[in-house]
Protein backbone atom coordinates (compact mmCIF):
# COMPACT_ATOMS: atom_id res chain seq x y z
CA UNK A 1 -0.12 0.11 0.08
CA UNK A 2 2.90 2.13 0.29
CA UNK A 3 3.27 2.03 -3.55
CA UNK A 4 -0.57 3.45 -3.75
CA UNK A 5 -0.03 6.08 -1.19
CA UNK A 6 3.21 7.25 -3.02
CA UNK A 7 1.27 7.18 -6.52
CA UNK A 8 -1.47 9.43 -5.18
CA UNK A 9 1.08 11.84 -3.48
CA UNK A 10 3.23 11.90 -6.66
CA UNK A 11 0.41 12.42 -9.13
CA UNK A 12 -1.92 14.78 -7.24
CA UNK A 13 -1.84 17.56 -4.70
CA UNK A 14 -3.35 15.12 -2.04
CA UNK A 15 -1.05 15.12 1.10
CA UNK A 16 -1.00 11.23 1.60
CA UNK A 17 1.60 10.15 4.02
CA UNK A 18 4.13 8.12 1.98
CA UNK A 19 7.80 6.96 2.65
CA UNK A 20 10.46 7.49 -0.27
CA UNK A 21 10.61 3.81 -0.35
CA UNK A 22 7.10 3.72 -1.75
CA UNK A 23 7.93 5.51 -4.85
CA UNK A 24 10.09 2.50 -6.29
CA UNK A 25 6.78 0.53 -6.25
CA UNK A 26 4.04 3.06 -7.36
CA UNK A 27 3.83 2.68 -11.00
CA UNK A 28 1.43 0.03 -11.13
CA UNK A 29 -1.02 2.19 -8.97
CA UNK A 30 -0.78 5.02 -11.55
CA UNK A 31 -4.23 4.30 -12.82
CA UNK A 32 -5.74 4.09 -9.56
CA UNK A 33 -4.35 7.73 -8.94
CA UNK A 34 -6.08 8.28 -12.23
CA UNK A 35 -9.47 7.33 -10.45
CA UNK A 36 -8.58 9.65 -7.69
CA UNK A 37 -8.20 12.36 -10.00
CA UNK A 38 -11.27 11.78 -11.80
CA UNK A 39 -13.70 11.41 -8.86
CA UNK A 40 -13.53 15.23 -7.96
CA UNK A 41 -14.35 15.93 -11.77
CA UNK A 42 -17.16 13.56 -11.84
CA UNK A 43 -18.59 15.21 -8.58
CA UNK A 44 -18.17 18.66 -10.29
CA UNK A 45 -20.04 17.70 -13.28
CA UNK A 46 -22.73 15.91 -11.36
CA UNK A 47 -23.54 18.80 -9.08
CA UNK A 48 -23.34 21.27 -11.90
CA UNK A 49 -26.21 19.28 -13.62
CA UNK A 50 -28.39 20.16 -10.89
CA UNK A 51 -28.17 24.12 -12.05
CA UNK A 52 -31.33 25.05 -13.89
CA UNK A 53 -30.60 25.95 -17.24
CA UNK A 54 -32.47 28.38 -19.37
CA UNK A 55 -32.92 28.92 -23.02
CA UNK A 56 -32.32 32.48 -22.89
CA UNK A 57 -29.33 34.61 -24.28
CA UNK A 58 -25.87 35.16 -22.62
CA UNK A 59 -23.30 32.38 -21.89
CA UNK A 60 -24.64 28.85 -22.40
CA UNK A 61 -24.76 27.34 -18.88
CA UNK A 62 -23.41 24.30 -20.26
CA UNK A 63 -20.12 26.25 -20.52
CA UNK A 64 -19.79 27.01 -16.73
CA UNK A 65 -19.76 23.26 -15.65
CA UNK A 66 -16.99 22.55 -18.26
CA UNK A 67 -14.93 25.35 -16.89
CA UNK A 68 -15.45 24.11 -13.41
CA UNK A 69 -14.47 20.67 -14.34
CA UNK A 70 -11.31 21.74 -15.96
CA UNK A 71 -10.42 23.82 -13.09
CA UNK A 72 -10.57 21.05 -10.76
CA UNK A 73 -8.96 18.66 -13.05
CA UNK A 74 -6.07 21.02 -13.31
CA UNK A 75 -6.04 21.81 -9.52
CA UNK A 76 -6.19 18.20 -8.22
CA UNK A 77 -2.88 17.44 -10.19
CA UNK A 78 -1.19 20.62 -9.49
CA UNK A 79 -0.91 21.29 -13.18
CA UNK A 80 1.91 18.79 -13.12
CA UNK A 81 1.45 17.47 -16.87
CA UNK A 82 0.32 20.62 -18.23
CA UNK A 83 3.72 22.10 -17.25
CA UNK A 84 5.35 19.26 -18.83
CA UNK A 85 3.47 19.84 -22.00
CA UNK A 86 4.42 23.38 -22.16
CA UNK A 87 7.93 22.58 -21.62
CA UNK A 88 8.24 20.07 -24.31
CA UNK A 89 6.32 22.12 -26.70
CA UNK A 90 8.90 24.92 -26.12
CA UNK A 91 11.93 22.62 -26.62
CA UNK A 92 10.67 20.20 -29.29
CA UNK A 93 9.24 22.77 -31.76
CA UNK A 94 12.51 25.17 -31.53
CA UNK A 95 14.35 25.39 -34.73
CA UNK A 96 17.81 24.35 -33.18
CA UNK A 97 19.89 21.45 -32.66
CA UNK A 98 19.21 18.66 -30.12
CA UNK A 99 21.71 19.77 -27.41
CA UNK A 100 20.07 23.30 -27.68
CA UNK A 101 16.56 21.67 -27.34
CA UNK A 102 17.62 19.84 -24.13
CA UNK A 103 18.77 23.19 -22.63
CA UNK A 104 15.50 25.01 -23.50
CA UNK A 105 13.74 22.05 -21.84
CA UNK A 106 15.59 22.68 -18.56
CA UNK A 107 14.51 26.33 -18.81
CA UNK A 108 11.55 26.81 -16.30
CA UNK A 109 10.21 29.76 -18.56
CA UNK A 110 7.37 29.23 -21.05
CA UNK A 111 8.01 30.73 -24.58
CA UNK A 112 5.53 31.20 -27.38
CA UNK A 113 5.51 27.59 -28.22
CA UNK A 114 4.70 26.28 -24.84
CA UNK A 115 1.98 29.09 -24.27
CA UNK A 116 0.46 28.39 -27.65
CA UNK A 117 0.42 24.43 -27.09
CA UNK A 118 -0.93 24.83 -23.55
CA UNK A 119 -3.69 27.10 -24.49
CA UNK A 120 -4.79 24.81 -27.45
CA UNK A 121 -4.64 21.83 -24.91
CA UNK A 122 -6.90 23.52 -22.51
CA UNK A 123 -9.20 24.50 -25.12
CA UNK A 124 -9.54 20.78 -26.55
CA UNK A 125 -10.07 19.84 -23.10
CA UNK A 126 -12.68 22.31 -22.40
CA UNK A 127 -14.49 21.57 -25.57
CA UNK A 128 -14.71 18.01 -24.82
CA UNK A 129 -15.92 18.31 -21.08
CA UNK A 130 -18.67 20.63 -22.56
CA UNK A 131 -20.09 17.37 -24.19
CA UNK A 132 -20.12 15.92 -20.63
CA UNK A 133 -21.67 19.05 -18.99
CA UNK A 134 -24.46 18.99 -21.63
CA UNK A 135 -25.58 15.57 -20.54
CA UNK A 136 -28.92 15.47 -18.33
CA UNK A 137 -28.44 15.19 -14.73
CA UNK A 138 -27.84 11.99 -13.24
CA UNK A 139 -26.74 10.44 -16.66
CA UNK A 140 -24.71 7.28 -16.20
CA UNK A 141 -22.66 8.51 -19.03
CA UNK A 142 -20.91 10.91 -16.57
CA UNK A 143 -19.16 7.99 -15.32
CA UNK A 144 -17.05 7.68 -18.46
CA UNK A 145 -15.11 10.84 -17.37
CA UNK A 146 -13.11 8.33 -15.25
CA UNK A 147 -11.86 6.54 -18.00
CA UNK A 148 -9.22 9.33 -19.58
CA UNK A 149 -7.20 9.77 -16.29
CA UNK A 150 -6.75 6.04 -15.95
CA UNK A 151 -5.63 5.63 -19.39
CA UNK A 152 -3.24 8.72 -19.53
CA UNK A 153 -1.53 7.70 -16.23
CA UNK A 154 -1.10 4.05 -17.67
CA UNK A 155 0.53 5.55 -20.89
CA UNK A 156 3.09 7.25 -18.52
CA UNK A 157 4.16 3.88 -17.03
CA UNK A 158 4.37 2.27 -20.53
CA UNK A 159 6.62 5.21 -21.67
CA UNK A 160 8.67 5.10 -18.67
CA UNK A 161 9.46 1.36 -19.51
CA UNK A 162 9.67 1.79 -23.40
CA UNK A 163 11.64 5.15 -23.91
CA UNK A 164 15.20 5.88 -23.29
CA UNK A 165 15.75 8.09 -20.07
CA UNK A 166 16.96 11.42 -21.13
CA UNK A 167 19.41 11.92 -18.36
CA UNK A 168 20.99 8.95 -16.26
CA UNK A 169 20.20 8.73 -12.44
CA UNK A 170 17.38 10.61 -10.68
CA UNK A 171 13.88 9.72 -9.98
CA UNK A 172 13.00 9.13 -13.56
CA UNK A 173 15.76 6.50 -14.15
CA UNK A 174 14.42 4.66 -10.74
CA UNK A 175 11.01 4.81 -11.93
CA UNK A 176 11.79 3.52 -15.36
CA UNK A 177 13.53 0.63 -13.72
CA UNK A 178 10.59 -0.14 -11.60
CA UNK A 179 7.97 0.44 -14.07
CA UNK A 180 5.28 -2.60 -14.49
CA UNK A 181 3.41 -1.42 -17.62
CA UNK A 182 1.76 -5.03 -17.72
CA UNK A 183 0.40 -4.85 -14.36
CA UNK A 184 -0.68 -1.34 -14.79
CA UNK A 185 -2.41 -2.16 -18.19
CA UNK A 186 -4.09 -5.28 -16.65
CA UNK A 187 -5.35 -2.87 -13.72
CA UNK A 188 -6.59 -0.38 -16.22
CA UNK A 189 -8.44 -2.88 -18.20
CA UNK A 190 -10.31 -4.16 -15.34
CA UNK A 191 -11.29 -0.82 -13.95
CA UNK A 192 -12.13 0.86 -17.44
CA UNK A 193 -13.96 -2.35 -18.24
CA UNK A 194 -15.92 -2.14 -14.78
CA UNK A 195 -16.72 1.62 -15.30
CA UNK A 196 -18.10 1.13 -18.65
CA UNK A 197 -20.24 -1.82 -17.89
CA UNK A 198 -21.79 0.25 -15.16
CA UNK A 199 -22.54 3.15 -17.60
CA UNK A 200 -23.87 0.62 -20.10
CA UNK A 201 -22.57 -2.38 -22.01
CA UNK A 202 -23.43 -0.65 -25.28
CA UNK A 203 -20.51 1.64 -24.32
CA UNK A 204 -17.81 -0.87 -24.60
CA UNK A 205 -17.19 -0.47 -28.33
CA UNK A 206 -17.20 3.42 -28.36
CA UNK A 207 -14.79 3.38 -25.26
CA UNK A 208 -12.55 0.63 -26.75
CA UNK A 209 -12.26 2.78 -30.05
CA UNK A 210 -11.63 5.92 -27.91
CA UNK A 211 -8.72 4.15 -25.95
CA UNK A 212 -7.16 2.41 -28.97
CA UNK A 213 -7.19 5.81 -30.87
CA UNK A 214 -5.82 7.42 -27.74
CA UNK A 215 -3.24 4.81 -27.45
CA UNK A 216 -1.86 5.83 -31.04
CA UNK A 217 -1.59 9.45 -30.22
CA UNK A 218 0.38 8.58 -27.23
CA UNK A 219 2.64 6.45 -28.84
CA UNK A 220 3.03 9.39 -31.62
CA UNK A 221 3.93 11.91 -28.86
CA UNK A 222 6.34 9.77 -27.13
CA UNK A 223 8.34 8.71 -30.53
CA UNK A 224 8.25 12.32 -31.54
CA UNK A 225 9.64 13.71 -28.35
CA UNK A 226 12.07 10.87 -28.10
CA UNK A 227 13.71 11.68 -31.47
CA UNK A 228 13.65 15.32 -30.80
CA UNK A 229 15.44 15.10 -27.34
CA UNK A 230 17.36 11.68 -27.87
CA UNK A 231 15.12 10.46 -24.92
CA UNK A 232 12.28 11.26 -22.39
CA UNK A 233 12.56 13.30 -19.10
CA UNK A 234 9.85 13.43 -16.37
CA UNK A 235 8.36 16.32 -18.73
CA UNK A 236 8.18 13.99 -21.63
CA UNK A 237 6.57 11.35 -19.83
CA UNK A 238 4.12 14.09 -18.40
CA UNK A 239 3.35 15.37 -21.93
CA UNK A 240 2.93 11.79 -23.28
CA UNK A 241 0.29 11.21 -20.40
CA UNK A 242 -1.67 14.29 -20.69
CA UNK A 243 -1.77 13.85 -24.54
CA UNK A 244 -3.16 10.16 -24.11
CA UNK A 245 -5.66 11.47 -21.49
CA UNK A 246 -7.01 14.35 -23.64
CA UNK A 247 -7.24 12.01 -26.62
CA UNK A 248 -9.35 9.57 -24.53
CA UNK A 249 -11.51 12.42 -23.54
CA UNK A 250 -11.97 13.69 -26.97
CA UNK A 251 -12.96 10.01 -28.24
CA UNK A 252 -15.40 9.69 -25.45
CA UNK A 253 -16.96 13.32 -26.15
CA UNK A 254 -17.23 12.28 -29.87
CA UNK A 255 -19.05 9.05 -28.82
CA UNK A 256 -21.56 11.12 -26.55
CA UNK A 257 -22.21 13.49 -29.41
CA UNK A 258 -22.84 10.74 -32.00
CA UNK A 259 -25.29 8.95 -29.15
CA UNK A 260 -27.31 12.36 -28.62
CA UNK A 261 -30.85 12.23 -29.89
């Protein structure tokens, strides 16, 4: 259980007591930490659905729950992966050689590439969340919101094992050595299947397509960043995770739109 506590503490802002030893065994628990991230988002959307909605002018009220869900999602993770996404965009998209890209990656300042990439990411996530916010109060389909954070964190476990570490030593190398992508994937499969079955068996097909599509997106991000930098750092794994998570979210939002009357 030390690994579970360490995973929650590492991937969220929840101050769960955990020892340093738990970090070496925490990667199989990343999908469970994804559930911890998703539950407050689910609660936000569910409670926001109780707000009366009018057909009048002004800002569509469906936007407000989507903004709230996005704020909660970002806050519960401390913006950890959004930071990695922006840093990687700054470095990977710079028209310079690989050594210079690595220097830019270490720079905590955000440039135009990083800012643009982050804005676009948040807009895409907001748009997808608006599809969930448009669901009627009490709709079981809201439970699908738990799937993207599970899948995104599993993608990080896989990239930790598969990608070459950018630098030797440090936490990233230790996590890569202790990564258990098979165990994390099985755990994710069980939890995602259980969640989707609770929502409705007819969602198994759309959910499988969304996850499969997201897996290709995550693979593409990891390969692109690995080639640009010569390996993946913590920022690279975070960018892979949030890219996969966002792709899953978009896939499910498209499925929701297709299922709407």
